[in-house]
Amino acid sequence: MGTAVIIDLADPTAIDLVVAALGRGEPVVIPTDTVYGLIADPTNAAATAGLFERKQRRFDTPMAVLVADGEQSAAVLALDDRYAALMSLWPGALTLVGRRTSGVDLHLGGDPTTVGVRCPDHPWVRELCRRVGPIAATSANRHGEPTPFEAAAVADQLGDDLLIIDGGPATDRASTVVDVTGPEPTVLREGPLSAAELTAALSHPAPKSGETA
């Protein structure tokens, strides 16, 4: 077991260090607009298996994917036109669970035909996604335990052989999760976005092709 390497988000080398670590198949802890996230390359089966092991979480409980924008989400998410308007709430604390884009090969656990996708309201994280593509992400805690608010406390739960990017205190609420695989959207997890906000988004036309919500 090594020693955690904690780098301040403002450090200009931070994003390069994360890109390199992900390329080596290593887990990384990053801040988001909600809770701290434990991330890996979703195309690397060994890397994502390591996240499940570190979290002590069953493989049938899937991880989500973070993306830079709505356009990048199309690489992994085949979003029904009826619910594309929900992307107007991106960037933000909304995870959409939909059908995977045909032919995409991701190792996220759970149902291999679906995927949860979120575009976070965090410019640094979106830039990371632009650099490396969609990123497998899960809350930086052991399964069933609270997610630490502080970057330094993550190592106490997940092990100290981690690269951790310190973005300051996190929130205590994970994203709202909405399943759009069925005939009607279903809220799977309540979070910062209210039912009223979801309803308002669905009442407006979807963004035109090429536009980012």
Protein backbone atom coordinates (compact mmCIF):
# COMPACT_ATOMS: atom_id res chain seq x y z
CA MET A 1 0.00 0.00 0.00
CA GLY A 2 1.44 3.34 -1.02
CA THR A 3 0.81 6.88 0.06
CA ALA A 4 -1.98 9.05 -1.32
CA VAL A 5 -0.86 11.83 -3.62
CA ILE A 6 -3.11 14.83 -3.06
CA ILE A 7 -2.92 17.58 -5.67
CA ASP A 8 -4.79 20.86 -5.46
CA LEU A 9 -7.29 21.42 -8.25
CA ALA A 10 -5.62 24.75 -9.02
CA ASP A 11 -2.29 23.05 -9.72
CA PRO A 12 -1.70 23.38 -13.49
CA THR A 13 -0.26 19.86 -13.60
CA ALA A 14 -3.33 18.25 -12.00
CA ILE A 15 -5.23 17.45 -15.18
CA ASP A 16 -2.13 16.02 -16.90
CA LEU A 17 -1.47 13.77 -13.91
CA VAL A 18 -5.04 12.48 -14.03
CA VAL A 19 -4.90 11.85 -17.78
CA ALA A 20 -1.68 9.88 -17.33
CA ALA A 21 -3.04 7.84 -14.41
CA LEU A 22 -6.21 6.93 -16.30
CA GLY A 23 -4.10 5.90 -19.25
CA ARG A 24 -2.19 3.51 -16.98
CA GLY A 25 -5.45 1.96 -15.79
CA GLU A 26 -5.21 3.52 -12.33
CA PRO A 27 -8.11 4.83 -10.23
CA VAL A 28 -8.27 8.54 -9.43
CA VAL A 29 -10.39 10.61 -7.06
CA ILE A 30 -11.69 13.91 -8.41
CA PRO A 31 -14.07 16.62 -7.21
CA THR A 32 -17.37 17.12 -9.02
CA ASP A 33 -20.27 19.52 -8.58
CA THR A 34 -21.85 17.00 -6.20
CA VAL A 35 -19.76 14.46 -4.25
CA TYR A 36 -16.16 13.37 -4.72
CA GLY A 37 -15.90 10.76 -7.47
CA LEU A 38 -13.74 7.66 -7.94
CA ILE A 39 -13.01 7.36 -11.65
CA ALA A 40 -11.40 5.07 -14.21
CA ASP A 41 -11.26 4.41 -17.95
CA PRO A 42 -14.58 2.69 -18.78
CA THR A 43 -13.06 0.84 -21.74
CA ASN A 44 -10.50 -0.87 -19.46
CA ALA A 45 -12.14 -3.87 -17.79
CA ALA A 46 -9.35 -4.31 -15.23
CA ALA A 47 -9.49 -0.62 -14.28
CA THR A 48 -13.24 -0.58 -13.61
CA ALA A 49 -13.08 -3.95 -11.83
CA GLY A 50 -10.61 -2.27 -9.50
CA LEU A 51 -13.18 0.40 -8.64
CA PHE A 52 -15.74 -2.24 -7.66
CA GLU A 53 -13.15 -4.00 -5.52
CA ARG A 54 -12.00 -0.81 -3.84
CA LYS A 55 -15.57 0.22 -3.07
CA GLN A 56 -16.49 -3.32 -1.97
CA ARG A 57 -19.48 -3.09 -4.25
CA ARG A 58 -21.23 -5.84 -6.19
CA PHE A 59 -20.67 -5.84 -9.94
CA ASP A 60 -24.42 -5.86 -10.57
CA THR A 61 -24.66 -2.28 -9.23
CA PRO A 62 -23.51 -0.24 -12.23
CA MET A 63 -21.34 2.84 -12.39
CA ALA A 64 -22.24 5.95 -14.35
CA VAL A 65 -20.25 7.79 -17.00
CA LEU A 66 -19.25 11.46 -16.96
CA VAL A 67 -19.17 13.37 -20.25
CA ALA A 68 -18.05 16.78 -21.43
CA ASP A 69 -21.31 17.73 -23.14
CA GLY A 70 -24.40 16.44 -24.87
CA GLU A 71 -22.51 15.72 -28.07
CA GLN A 72 -20.02 13.47 -26.26
CA SER A 73 -22.90 11.67 -24.53
CA ALA A 74 -24.08 10.41 -27.92
CA ALA A 75 -20.98 8.19 -28.03
CA VAL A 76 -22.44 6.10 -25.21
CA LEU A 77 -26.13 7.05 -24.77
CA ALA A 78 -28.85 6.43 -27.36
CA LEU A 79 -31.30 8.92 -25.91
CA ASP A 80 -34.93 8.69 -27.00
CA ASP A 81 -36.03 11.93 -28.69
CA ARG A 82 -38.91 12.17 -26.21
CA TYR A 83 -36.47 12.73 -23.37
CA ALA A 84 -33.63 14.57 -25.08
CA ALA A 85 -35.04 17.77 -23.57
CA LEU A 86 -33.79 16.61 -20.17
CA MET A 87 -30.29 17.37 -21.44
CA SER A 88 -31.25 21.05 -21.14
CA LEU A 89 -30.55 20.52 -17.43
CA TRP A 90 -26.91 19.77 -18.26
CA PRO A 91 -24.39 20.63 -17.09
CA GLY A 92 -25.83 19.78 -13.73
CA ALA A 93 -26.70 17.20 -11.10
CA LEU A 94 -28.74 14.92 -13.37
CA THR A 95 -27.84 11.38 -14.41
CA LEU A 96 -29.85 9.95 -17.30
CA VAL A 97 -30.12 6.17 -17.51
CA GLY A 98 -30.85 5.10 -21.07
CA ARG A 99 -29.98 2.58 -23.75
CA ARG A 100 -26.34 2.30 -24.74
CA THR A 101 -25.28 3.40 -28.19
CA SER A 102 -25.01 0.36 -30.44
CA GLY A 103 -21.55 -1.19 -30.48
CA VAL A 104 -20.14 0.73 -27.50
CA ASP A 105 -17.94 -1.46 -25.28
CA LEU A 106 -17.91 -0.23 -21.69
CA HIS A 107 -17.20 -2.11 -18.46
CA LEU A 108 -19.53 -0.53 -15.91
CA GLY A 109 -21.28 -3.45 -14.25
CA GLY A 110 -25.00 -4.06 -14.22
CA ASP A 111 -27.08 -4.28 -17.39
CA PRO A 112 -24.74 -4.14 -20.41
CA THR A 113 -27.50 -2.65 -22.59
CA THR A 114 -28.03 0.50 -20.50
CA VAL A 115 -25.83 3.30 -19.22
CA GLY A 116 -26.12 6.18 -16.77
CA VAL A 117 -24.64 9.42 -18.14
CA ARG A 118 -24.05 12.82 -16.54
CA CYS A 119 -22.52 16.08 -17.69
CA PRO A 120 -21.31 17.71 -14.44
CA ASP A 121 -21.49 21.42 -13.69
CA HIS A 122 -17.74 21.49 -13.12
CA PRO A 123 -15.58 23.01 -15.89
CA TRP A 124 -12.41 21.15 -14.83
CA VAL A 125 -14.15 17.77 -14.96
CA ARG A 126 -15.69 18.56 -18.35
CA GLU A 127 -12.25 19.51 -19.66
CA LEU A 128 -10.90 16.19 -18.39
CA CYS A 129 -13.67 14.41 -20.33
CA ARG A 130 -12.74 16.36 -23.45
CA ARG A 131 -9.17 15.16 -23.03
CA VAL A 132 -9.85 11.46 -22.39
CA GLY A 133 -13.45 10.79 -23.45
CA PRO A 134 -16.29 9.53 -21.25
CA ILE A 135 -15.14 8.52 -17.75
CA ALA A 136 -16.49 5.76 -15.48
CA ALA A 137 -17.40 7.36 -12.16
CA THR A 138 -18.83 6.36 -8.81
CA SER A 139 -18.93 8.11 -5.45
CA ALA A 140 -15.61 8.01 -3.60
CA ASN A 141 -16.69 5.86 -0.66
CA ARG A 142 -17.07 2.24 0.35
CA HIS A 143 -20.45 0.88 -0.62
CA GLY A 144 -23.05 1.75 2.02
CA GLU A 145 -20.85 4.29 3.83
CA PRO A 146 -21.10 8.10 3.63
CA THR A 147 -18.98 9.81 1.00
CA PRO A 148 -16.31 11.98 2.66
CA PHE A 149 -16.71 15.71 2.19
CA GLU A 150 -12.95 16.33 2.14
CA ALA A 151 -10.42 14.93 -0.34
CA ALA A 152 -7.95 13.90 2.35
CA ALA A 153 -10.58 11.76 4.09
CA VAL A 154 -11.19 9.63 1.01
CA ALA A 155 -7.99 7.65 1.53
CA ASP A 156 -9.22 6.57 4.98
CA GLN A 157 -12.09 4.70 3.31
CA LEU A 158 -10.68 3.66 -0.05
CA GLY A 159 -6.99 3.13 0.63
CA ASP A 160 -4.09 5.51 0.48
CA ASP A 161 -2.57 4.39 -2.85
CA LEU A 162 -4.57 6.94 -4.80
CA LEU A 163 -4.09 10.11 -6.78
CA ILE A 164 -6.60 12.53 -5.25
CA ILE A 165 -7.48 15.92 -6.69
CA ASP A 166 -8.50 18.30 -3.92
CA GLY A 167 -11.27 20.64 -5.00
CA GLY A 168 -12.29 21.75 -1.52
CA PRO A 169 -15.36 20.69 0.46
CA ALA A 170 -17.89 18.64 -1.51
CA THR A 171 -21.67 18.67 -1.21
CA ASP A 172 -23.55 15.91 0.60
CA ARG A 173 -25.98 15.07 -2.23
CA ALA A 174 -25.38 12.86 -5.23
CA SER A 175 -27.12 13.60 -8.53
CA THR A 176 -30.76 13.04 -9.36
CA VAL A 177 -31.06 9.83 -11.40
CA VAL A 178 -33.79 9.45 -14.03
CA ASP A 179 -34.46 6.28 -16.00
CA VAL A 180 -35.53 7.06 -19.57
CA THR A 181 -35.58 3.49 -20.88
CA GLY A 182 -39.32 3.06 -20.43
CA PRO A 183 -42.46 4.72 -21.79
CA GLU A 184 -42.26 7.41 -19.10
CA PRO A 185 -39.23 8.85 -17.26
CA THR A 186 -38.83 7.40 -13.77
CA VAL A 187 -36.87 8.98 -10.94
CA LEU A 188 -34.58 6.29 -9.52
CA ARG A 189 -32.84 8.54 -7.00
CA GLU A 190 -33.91 11.91 -5.71
CA GLY A 191 -31.23 14.56 -5.64
CA PRO A 192 -30.64 18.29 -6.14
CA LEU A 193 -33.00 18.57 -9.12
CA SER A 194 -36.69 18.62 -8.22
CA ALA A 195 -39.61 16.94 -9.96
CA ALA A 196 -40.79 20.39 -11.01
CA GLU A 197 -37.50 21.10 -12.77
CA LEU A 198 -37.66 17.76 -14.58
CA THR A 199 -41.25 18.40 -15.66
CA ALA A 200 -40.38 21.89 -16.90
CA ALA A 201 -37.51 20.51 -18.99
CA LEU A 202 -39.73 17.87 -20.56
CA SER A 203 -42.30 20.50 -21.51
CA HIS A 204 -39.81 22.28 -23.81
CA PRO A 205 -38.44 21.13 -27.17
CA ALA A 206 -35.12 19.28 -27.19
CA PRO A 207 -32.01 21.28 -28.20
CA LYS A 208 -31.25 21.25 -31.91
CA SER A 209 -28.54 18.91 -33.17
CA GLY A 210 -25.10 20.27 -32.38
CA GLU A 211 -26.30 22.47 -29.53
CA THR A 212 -25.12 21.80 -25.98
CA ALA A 213 -27.60 22.30 -23.19
